């Protein structure tokens, strides 16, 4: 069950989880507090263990440990640095398009960004869940300049003019690129389905051929057995008459 809305941070699902952990820490890491707020105590304890491991690694590397406090934009920049390849741009109400693959994706109804009256233009996400739609999970709003800074090999800032015609042409090109990507995806799926059907048909034909060969071999074996039986019936049989001590040959 997702955390209560009182824990929601509108800019980020990741920050929402961080807020949950901080509230649990303030309440003395109590399992009862977690149960009261419909949180899984074992998962929170696992998070605490992982955090302790990361802290130990930092100490071993002689890294200076400092806290950003409530400056959560620093955390969002770190998240952007790790997930810039999963960056998406707003295209409609709750609908985004991946900047690299041009695939459509949507905000999940359980997201902190969903239905709160704030829909950021650019986001990064942890993963995509395929159900009735392509839903993004664990979403964080980011600044587009962060994307250009963290992933300069993929993104750059282009200053658009106020020319409405140029903007329409750019939007049309983006739409064509997205349609081409979707068509390519559908063609690949059809090709895979066709290959699967061909493999199934070939396997079925192979099994049928094997059955025909076995039936033919069985028929030949029965025919040979029948011929041997007829040959033995045609051979002369010697019958000894015990009462008279004579032998008769029956053909």
C-alpha atoms as a PDB file:
ATOM      1  CA  UNK A   1       0.000   0.000   0.000  1.00  0.00           C
ATOM      2  CA  UNK A   2       1.439   3.430  -0.903  1.00  0.00           C
ATOM      3  CA  UNK A   3       2.276   5.863   1.912  1.00  0.00           C
ATOM      4  CA  UNK A   4      -0.364   8.298   3.098  1.00  0.00           C
ATOM      5  CA  UNK A   5      -0.782  11.514   1.159  1.00  0.00           C
ATOM      6  CA  UNK A   6       0.630  13.426   4.115  1.00  0.00           C
ATOM      7  CA  UNK A   7       4.056  12.067   3.122  1.00  0.00           C
ATOM      8  CA  UNK A   8       3.760  13.117  -0.536  1.00  0.00           C
ATOM      9  CA  UNK A   9       6.360  15.469  -1.988  1.00  0.00           C
ATOM     10  CA  UNK A  10       4.815  16.896  -5.184  1.00  0.00           C
ATOM     11  CA  UNK A  11       8.124  17.081  -7.060  1.00  0.00           C
ATOM     12  CA  UNK A  12       9.216  13.489  -6.628  1.00  0.00           C
ATOM     13  CA  UNK A  13       8.272   9.939  -5.674  1.00  0.00           C
ATOM     14  CA  UNK A  14      11.881   9.394  -4.605  1.00  0.00           C
ATOM     15  CA  UNK A  15      11.667  12.356  -2.235  1.00  0.00           C
ATOM     16  CA  UNK A  16       8.367  10.965  -0.954  1.00  0.00           C
ATOM     17  CA  UNK A  17      10.171   7.763   0.029  1.00  0.00           C
ATOM     18  CA  UNK A  18      12.965   9.811   1.604  1.00  0.00           C
ATOM     19  CA  UNK A  19      10.376  11.779   3.568  1.00  0.00           C
ATOM     20  CA  UNK A  20       8.824   8.522   4.807  1.00  0.00           C
ATOM     21  CA  UNK A  21      12.223   7.300   6.002  1.00  0.00           C
ATOM     22  CA  UNK A  22      12.985  10.586   7.767  1.00  0.00           C
ATOM     23  CA  UNK A  23       9.613  10.554   9.540  1.00  0.00           C
ATOM     24  CA  UNK A  24      10.236   6.953  10.627  1.00  0.00           C
ATOM     25  CA  UNK A  25      13.665   7.992  11.916  1.00  0.00           C
ATOM     26  CA  UNK A  26      12.158  10.873  13.907  1.00  0.00           C
ATOM     27  CA  UNK A  27       9.793   8.409  15.558  1.00  0.00           C
ATOM     28  CA  UNK A  28      12.616   6.197  16.769  1.00  0.00           C
ATOM     29  CA  UNK A  29      12.469   3.557  14.005  1.00  0.00           C
ATOM     30  CA  UNK A  30       9.377   2.078  15.644  1.00  0.00           C
ATOM     31  CA  UNK A  31       7.540  -0.747  13.903  1.00  0.00           C
ATOM     32  CA  UNK A  32       4.282   0.326  15.521  1.00  0.00           C
ATOM     33  CA  UNK A  33       4.511   3.748  13.911  1.00  0.00           C
ATOM     34  CA  UNK A  34       5.068   2.093  10.523  1.00  0.00           C
ATOM     35  CA  UNK A  35       2.005  -0.114  10.978  1.00  0.00           C
ATOM     36  CA  UNK A  36      -0.147   2.849  11.968  1.00  0.00           C
ATOM     37  CA  UNK A  37       0.759   4.589   8.704  1.00  0.00           C
ATOM     38  CA  UNK A  38       0.314   1.452   6.555  1.00  0.00           C
ATOM     39  CA  UNK A  39       4.056   1.069   5.973  1.00  0.00           C
ATOM     40  CA  UNK A  40       6.033  -2.152   5.801  1.00  0.00           C
ATOM     41  CA  UNK A  41       8.367  -2.211   8.796  1.00  0.00           C
ATOM     42  CA  UNK A  42      10.655  -4.914   7.355  1.00  0.00           C
ATOM     43  CA  UNK A  43      11.210  -2.873   4.195  1.00  0.00           C
ATOM     44  CA  UNK A  44      12.090   0.196   6.239  1.00  0.00           C
ATOM     45  CA  UNK A  45      14.560  -1.844   8.309  1.00  0.00           C
ATOM     46  CA  UNK A  46      16.146  -3.103   5.090  1.00  0.00           C
ATOM     47  CA  UNK A  47      16.517   0.493   3.886  1.00  0.00           C
ATOM     48  CA  UNK A  48      18.220   1.370   7.159  1.00  0.00           C
ATOM     49  CA  UNK A  49      20.659  -1.529   6.727  1.00  0.00           C
ATOM     50  CA  UNK A  50      21.510  -0.492   3.151  1.00  0.00           C
ATOM     51  CA  UNK A  51      22.058   3.099   4.273  1.00  0.00           C
ATOM     52  CA  UNK A  52      24.432   1.896   7.000  1.00  0.00           C
ATOM     53  CA  UNK A  53      26.373  -0.142   4.423  1.00  0.00           C
ATOM     54  CA  UNK A  54      26.705   2.871   2.129  1.00  0.00           C
ATOM     55  CA  UNK A  55      27.867   4.997   5.046  1.00  0.00           C
ATOM     56  CA  UNK A  56      30.541   2.427   5.914  1.00  0.00           C
ATOM     57  CA  UNK A  57      31.769   2.390   2.312  1.00  0.00           C
ATOM     58  CA  UNK A  58      32.041   6.187   2.306  1.00  0.00           C
ATOM     59  CA  UNK A  59      34.053   6.086   5.527  1.00  0.00           C
ATOM     60  CA  UNK A  60      36.391   3.445   4.109  1.00  0.00           C
ATOM     61  CA  UNK A  61      37.018   5.697   1.106  1.00  0.00           C
ATOM     62  CA  UNK A  62      37.662   8.659   3.424  1.00  0.00           C
ATOM     63  CA  UNK A  63      34.758  10.575   1.933  1.00  0.00           C
ATOM     64  CA  UNK A  64      33.360  13.548   3.778  1.00  0.00           C
ATOM     65  CA  UNK A  65      29.808  12.882   4.978  1.00  0.00           C
ATOM     66  CA  UNK A  66      27.537  15.912   4.806  1.00  0.00           C
ATOM     67  CA  UNK A  67      23.772  16.316   4.683  1.00  0.00           C
ATOM     68  CA  UNK A  68      21.863  18.567   2.307  1.00  0.00           C
ATOM     69  CA  UNK A  69      19.193  19.049   4.964  1.00  0.00           C
ATOM     70  CA  UNK A  70      15.993  20.231   3.337  1.00  0.00           C
ATOM     71  CA  UNK A  71      17.753  21.315   0.119  1.00  0.00           C
ATOM     72  CA  UNK A  72      16.074  18.547  -1.827  1.00  0.00           C
ATOM     73  CA  UNK A  73      16.997  20.016  -5.205  1.00  0.00           C
ATOM     74  CA  UNK A  74      20.451  18.562  -4.575  1.00  0.00           C
ATOM     75  CA  UNK A  75      18.869  15.122  -4.203  1.00  0.00           C
ATOM     76  CA  UNK A  76      16.853  15.637  -7.371  1.00  0.00           C
ATOM     77  CA  UNK A  77      20.036  16.562  -9.268  1.00  0.00           C
ATOM     78  CA  UNK A  78      21.644  13.315  -8.057  1.00  0.00           C
ATOM     79  CA  UNK A  79      18.607  11.340  -9.186  1.00  0.00           C
ATOM     80  CA  UNK A  80      18.758  13.085 -12.566  1.00  0.00           C
ATOM     81  CA  UNK A  81      22.435  12.137 -12.875  1.00  0.00           C
ATOM     82  CA  UNK A  82      21.542   8.469 -12.370  1.00  0.00           C
ATOM     83  CA  UNK A  83      18.395   8.293 -14.486  1.00  0.00           C
ATOM     84  CA  UNK A  84      18.896  10.839 -17.281  1.00  0.00           C
ATOM     85  CA  UNK A  85      18.546   8.012 -19.821  1.00  0.00           C
ATOM     86  CA  UNK A  86      14.945   7.596 -18.573  1.00  0.00           C
ATOM     87  CA  UNK A  87      14.015  11.233 -19.168  1.00  0.00           C
ATOM     88  CA  UNK A  88      10.558  12.102 -20.519  1.00  0.00           C
ATOM     89  CA  UNK A  89       8.863  15.257 -21.722  1.00  0.00           C
ATOM     90  CA  UNK A  90       5.261  16.279 -21.087  1.00  0.00           C
ATOM     91  CA  UNK A  91       3.023  15.847 -24.133  1.00  0.00           C
ATOM     92  CA  UNK A  92      -0.486  15.946 -22.676  1.00  0.00           C
ATOM     93  CA  UNK A  93      -2.429  15.667 -19.445  1.00  0.00           C
ATOM     94  CA  UNK A  94      -0.524  13.034 -17.501  1.00  0.00           C
ATOM     95  CA  UNK A  95       1.086  11.786 -20.724  1.00  0.00           C
ATOM     96  CA  UNK A  96       4.789  11.921 -21.460  1.00  0.00           C
ATOM     97  CA  UNK A  97       7.111  10.807 -24.236  1.00  0.00           C
ATOM     98  CA  UNK A  98      10.581   9.358 -23.683  1.00  0.00           C
ATOM     99  CA  UNK A  99      13.196  11.770 -25.031  1.00  0.00           C
ATOM    100  CA  UNK A 100      15.524   9.037 -26.280  1.00  0.00           C
ATOM    101  CA  UNK A 101      13.166   6.348 -27.575  1.00  0.00           C
ATOM    102  CA  UNK A 102      10.121   8.529 -28.356  1.00  0.00           C
ATOM    103  CA  UNK A 103       7.831   6.026 -26.637  1.00  0.00           C
ATOM    104  CA  UNK A 104       4.710   7.303 -24.838  1.00  0.00           C
ATOM    105  CA  UNK A 105       4.394   6.776 -21.084  1.00  0.00           C
ATOM    106  CA  UNK A 106       2.043   7.953 -18.358  1.00  0.00           C
ATOM    107  CA  UNK A 107       2.096   8.883 -14.710  1.00  0.00           C
ATOM    108  CA  UNK A 108       0.949   6.033 -12.496  1.00  0.00           C
ATOM    109  CA  UNK A 109      -2.140   6.839 -10.354  1.00  0.00           C
ATOM    110  CA  UNK A 110      -0.132   6.019  -7.200  1.00  0.00           C
ATOM    111  CA  UNK A 111       2.536   8.603  -8.049  1.00  0.00           C
ATOM    112  CA  UNK A 112       2.910  11.701  -5.877  1.00  0.00           C
ATOM    113  CA  UNK A 113       2.860  13.776  -9.085  1.00  0.00           C
ATOM    114  CA  UNK A 114      -0.507  12.372 -10.185  1.00  0.00           C
ATOM    115  CA  UNK A 115      -3.611  14.471  -9.580  1.00  0.00           C
ATOM    116  CA  UNK A 116      -1.954  17.041  -7.320  1.00  0.00           C
ATOM    117  CA  UNK A 117      -2.391  19.974  -9.709  1.00  0.00           C
ATOM    118  CA  UNK A 118       1.313  20.078 -10.589  1.00  0.00           C
ATOM    119  CA  UNK A 119       2.540  18.403 -13.756  1.00  0.00           C
ATOM    120  CA  UNK A 120       6.224  19.080 -14.477  1.00  0.00           C
ATOM    121  CA  UNK A 121       7.439  19.461 -18.046  1.00  0.00           C
ATOM    122  CA  UNK A 122      10.374  17.091 -17.633  1.00  0.00           C
ATOM    123  CA  UNK A 123      10.746  14.023 -15.430  1.00  0.00           C
ATOM    124  CA  UNK A 124      12.991  11.013 -14.939  1.00  0.00           C
ATOM    125  CA  UNK A 125      11.695   7.639 -13.806  1.00  0.00           C
ATOM    126  CA  UNK A 126      13.032   4.415 -12.356  1.00  0.00           C
ATOM    127  CA  UNK A 127      11.168   1.906 -14.533  1.00  0.00           C
ATOM    128  CA  UNK A 128       8.133   1.418 -16.762  1.00  0.00           C
ATOM    129  CA  UNK A 129       5.271  -0.918 -15.829  1.00  0.00           C
ATOM    130  CA  UNK A 130       3.238  -2.314 -18.741  1.00  0.00           C
ATOM    131  CA  UNK A 131      -0.442  -2.874 -17.894  1.00  0.00           C
ATOM    132  CA  UNK A 132      -3.270  -1.182 -19.776  1.00  0.00           C
ATOM    133  CA  UNK A 133      -0.766   1.617 -20.500  1.00  0.00           C
ATOM    134  CA  UNK A 134       2.940   2.245 -20.175  1.00  0.00           C
ATOM    135  CA  UNK A 135       3.109   3.610 -16.629  1.00  0.00           C
ATOM    136  CA  UNK A 136       6.208   5.261 -15.172  1.00  0.00           C
ATOM    137  CA  UNK A 137       7.079   4.237 -11.629  1.00  0.00           C
ATOM    138  CA  UNK A 138       9.143   6.257  -9.130  1.00  0.00           C
ATOM    139  CA  UNK A 139       9.074   9.582 -10.987  1.00  0.00           C
ATOM    140  CA  UNK A 140      10.997  12.763 -10.167  1.00  0.00           C
ATOM    141  CA  UNK A 141      10.594  16.192 -11.747  1.00  0.00           C
ATOM    142  CA  UNK A 142      13.845  17.627 -13.141  1.00  0.00           C
ATOM    143  CA  UNK A 143      15.098  20.809 -14.742  1.00  0.00           C
ATOM    144  CA  UNK A 144      15.861  20.418 -18.482  1.00  0.00           C
ATOM    145  CA  UNK A 145      19.203  22.155 -17.933  1.00  0.00           C
ATOM    146  CA  UNK A 146      20.151  19.328 -15.572  1.00  0.00           C
ATOM    147  CA  UNK A 147      19.603  16.834 -18.394  1.00  0.00           C
ATOM    148  CA  UNK A 148      21.903  18.811 -20.685  1.00  0.00           C
ATOM    149  CA  UNK A 149      24.489  18.968 -17.908  1.00  0.00           C
ATOM    150  CA  UNK A 150      24.326  15.312 -16.824  1.00  0.00           C
ATOM    151  CA  UNK A 151      23.899  13.793 -20.288  1.00  0.00           C
ATOM    152  CA  UNK A 152      25.483  16.149 -22.848  1.00  0.00           C
ATOM    153  CA  UNK A 153      25.935  13.252 -25.265  1.00  0.00           C
ATOM    154  CA  UNK A 154      22.129  12.916 -25.489  1.00  0.00           C
ATOM    155  CA  UNK A 155      20.635  16.314 -24.648  1.00  0.00           C
ATOM    156  CA  UNK A 156      21.255  19.948 -25.430  1.00  0.00           C
ATOM    157  CA  UNK A 157      19.351  23.169 -24.843  1.00  0.00           C
ATOM    158  CA  UNK A 158      17.900  24.738 -27.956  1.00  0.00           C
ATOM    159  CA  UNK A 159      16.508  28.234 -27.723  1.00  0.00           C
ATOM    160  CA  UNK A 160      13.352  28.345 -29.797  1.00  0.00           C
ATOM    161  CA  UNK A 161      12.151  31.536 -31.350  1.00  0.00           C
ATOM    162  CA  UNK A 162       8.633  32.912 -31.230  1.00  0.00           C
ATOM    163  CA  UNK A 163       7.941  31.841 -34.805  1.00  0.00           C
ATOM    164  CA  UNK A 164       4.676  29.896 -34.566  1.00  0.00           C
ATOM    165  CA  UNK A 165       5.167  28.244 -37.968  1.00  0.00           C
ATOM    166  CA  UNK A 166       8.626  26.966 -36.987  1.00  0.00           C
ATOM    167  CA  UNK A 167       7.243  25.607 -33.741  1.00  0.00           C
ATOM    168  CA  UNK A 168       4.483  23.788 -35.608  1.00  0.00           C
ATOM    169  CA  UNK A 169       7.010  22.279 -38.006  1.00  0.00           C
ATOM    170  CA  UNK A 170       9.110  21.095 -35.087  1.00  0.00           C
ATOM    171  CA  UNK A 171       6.064  19.568 -33.401  1.00  0.00           C
ATOM    172  CA  UNK A 172       5.122  17.827 -36.658  1.00  0.00           C
ATOM    173  CA  UNK A 173       8.628  16.378 -36.971  1.00  0.00           C
ATOM    174  CA  UNK A 174       8.516  15.144 -33.380  1.00  0.00           C
ATOM    175  CA  UNK A 175       5.138  13.540 -34.045  1.00  0.00           C
ATOM    176  CA  UNK A 176       6.424  11.804 -37.188  1.00  0.00           C
ATOM    177  CA  UNK A 177       9.462  10.503 -35.325  1.00  0.00           C
ATOM    178  CA  UNK A 178       7.253   9.109 -32.586  1.00  0.00           C
ATOM    179  CA  UNK A 179       4.880   7.499 -35.108  1.00  0.00           C
ATOM    180  CA  UNK A 180       7.833   5.955 -36.952  1.00  0.00           C
ATOM    181  CA  UNK A 181       9.166   4.509 -33.692  1.00  0.00           C
ATOM    182  CA  UNK A 182       5.770   3.066 -32.796  1.00  0.00           C
ATOM    183  CA  UNK A 183       5.381   1.582 -36.284  1.00  0.00           C
ATOM    184  CA  UNK A 184       8.832   0.016 -36.025  1.00  0.00           C
ATOM    185  CA  UNK A 185       7.879  -1.493 -32.677  1.00  0.00           C
ATOM    186  CA  UNK A 186       4.652  -2.921 -34.124  1.00  0.00           C
ATOM    187  CA  UNK A 187       6.504  -4.354 -37.150  1.00  0.00           C
ATOM    188  CA  UNK A 188       9.008  -6.074 -34.880  1.00  0.00           C
ATOM    189  CA  UNK A 189       6.200  -7.557 -32.793  1.00  0.00           C
ATOM    190  CA  UNK A 190       4.440  -8.825 -35.949  1.00  0.00           C
ATOM    191  CA  UNK A 191       7.688 -10.327 -37.212  1.00  0.00           C
ATOM    192  CA  UNK A 192       8.273 -12.116 -33.913  1.00  0.00           C
ATOM    193  CA  UNK A 193       4.699 -13.419 -33.931  1.00  0.00           C
ATOM    194  CA  UNK A 194       5.070 -14.643 -37.525  1.00  0.00           C
ATOM    195  CA  UNK A 195       8.336 -16.415 -36.713  1.00  0.00           C
ATOM    196  CA  UNK A 196       6.718 -18.026 -33.681  1.00  0.00           C
ATOM    197  CA  UNK A 197       3.810 -19.267 -35.840  1.00  0.00           C
ATOM    198  CA  UNK A 198       6.237 -20.661 -38.424  1.00  0.00           C
ATOM    199  CA  UNK A 199       8.188 -22.495 -35.727  1.00  0.00           C
ATOM    200  CA  UNK A 200       4.956 -23.918 -34.332  1.00  0.00           C
ATOM    201  CA  UNK A 201       3.814 -25.076 -37.796  1.00  0.00           C
ATOM    202  CA  UNK A 202       7.203 -26.668 -38.513  1.00  0.00           C
ATOM    203  CA  UNK A 203       7.165 -28.485 -35.185  1.00  0.00           C
ATOM    204  CA  UNK A 204       3.622 -29.681 -35.813  1.00  0.00           C
ATOM    205  CA  UNK A 205       4.566 -30.936 -39.301  1.00  0.00           C
ATOM    206  CA  UNK A 206       7.618 -32.684 -37.872  1.00  0.00           C
ATOM    207  CA  UNK A 207       5.515 -34.464 -35.272  1.00  0.00           C
ATOM    208  CA  UNK A 208       2.950 -35.465 -37.911  1.00  0.00           C
ATOM    209  CA  UNK A 209       5.681 -36.828 -40.215  1.00  0.00           C
ATOM    210  CA  UNK A 210       7.166 -38.806 -37.362  1.00  0.00           C
ATOM    211  CA  UNK A 211       3.740 -40.279 -36.582  1.00  0.00           C
ATOM    212  CA  UNK A 212       3.194 -41.259 -40.235  1.00  0.00           C
ATOM    213  CA  UNK A 213       6.600 -42.970 -40.411  1.00  0.00           C
ATOM    214  CA  UNK A 214       5.956 -44.890 -37.203  1.00  0.00           C
ATOM    215  CA  UNK A 215       2.515 -45.999 -38.451  1.00  0.00           C
ATOM    216  CA  UNK A 216       4.005 -47.150 -41.775  1.00  0.00           C
ATOM    217  CA  UNK A 217       6.773 -49.094 -40.017  1.00  0.00           C
ATOM    218  CA  UNK A 218       4.230 -50.720 -37.735  1.00  0.00           C
ATOM    219  CA  UNK A 219       2.093 -51.697 -40.727  1.00  0.00           C
ATOM    220  CA  UNK A 220       5.092 -53.243 -42.511  1.00  0.00           C
ATOM    221  CA  UNK A 221       6.012 -55.161 -39.359  1.00  0.00           C
ATOM    222  CA  UNK A 222       2.470 -56.529 -39.064  1.00  0.00           C
ATOM    223  CA  UNK A 223       2.465 -57.467 -42.760  1.00  0.00           C
ATOM    224  CA  UNK A 224       5.776 -59.343 -42.381  1.00  0.00           C
ATOM    225  CA  UNK A 225       4.449 -61.134 -39.349  1.00  0.00           C
ATOM    226  CA  UNK A 226       1.299 -62.114 -41.268  1.00  0.00           C
ATOM    227  CA  UNK A 227       3.366 -63.453 -44.193  1.00  0.00           C
ATOM    228  CA  UNK A 228       5.498 -65.524 -41.831  1.00  0.00           C
ATOM    229  CA  UNK A 229       2.367 -66.949 -40.260  1.00  0.00           C
ATOM    230  CA  UNK A 230       0.908 -67.935 -43.674  1.00  0.00           C
ATOM    231  CA  UNK A 231       4.186 -69.582 -44.704  1.00  0.00           C
ATOM    232  CA  UNK A 232       4.242 -71.681 -41.572  1.00  0.00           C
ATOM    233  CA  UNK A 233       0.661 -72.755 -42.221  1.00  0.00           C
ATOM    234  CA  UNK A 234       1.583 -74.015 -45.695  1.00  0.00           C
ATOM    235  CA  UNK A 235       4.389 -76.296 -44.492  1.00  0.00           C
ATOM    236  CA  UNK A 236       3.623 -80.078 -44.237  1.00  0.00           C
ATOM    237  CA  UNK A 237       2.814 -81.239 -40.739  1.00  0.00           C
ATOM    238  CA  UNK A 238       3.725 -84.674 -39.478  1.00  0.00           C
ATOM    239  CA  UNK A 239       1.104 -86.225 -37.240  1.00  0.00           C
ATOM    240  CA  UNK A 240       1.844 -89.506 -35.466  1.00  0.00           C
ATOM    241  CA  UNK A 241      -1.015 -91.871 -34.846  1.00  0.00           C
ATOM    242  CA  UNK A 242      -0.092 -93.337 -31.504  1.00  0.00           C
ATOM    243  CA  UNK A 243      -2.780 -96.011 -31.603  1.00  0.00           C
ATOM    244  CA  UNK A 244      -1.585 -97.597 -34.838  1.00  0.00           C
ATOM    245  CA  UNK A 245       2.019 -96.448 -34.705  1.00  0.00           C
ATOM    246  CA  UNK A 246       1.763 -94.825 -38.138  1.00  0.00           C
ATOM    247  CA  UNK A 247       2.728 -91.400 -39.264  1.00  0.00           C
ATOM    248  CA  UNK A 248       0.647 -89.274 -41.585  1.00  0.00           C
ATOM    249  CA  UNK A 249       1.788 -86.253 -43.501  1.00  0.00           C
ATOM    250  CA  UNK A 250      -0.827 -83.541 -43.673  1.00  0.00           C
ATOM    251  CA  UNK A 251      -0.435 -80.869 -46.281  1.00  0.00           C
END
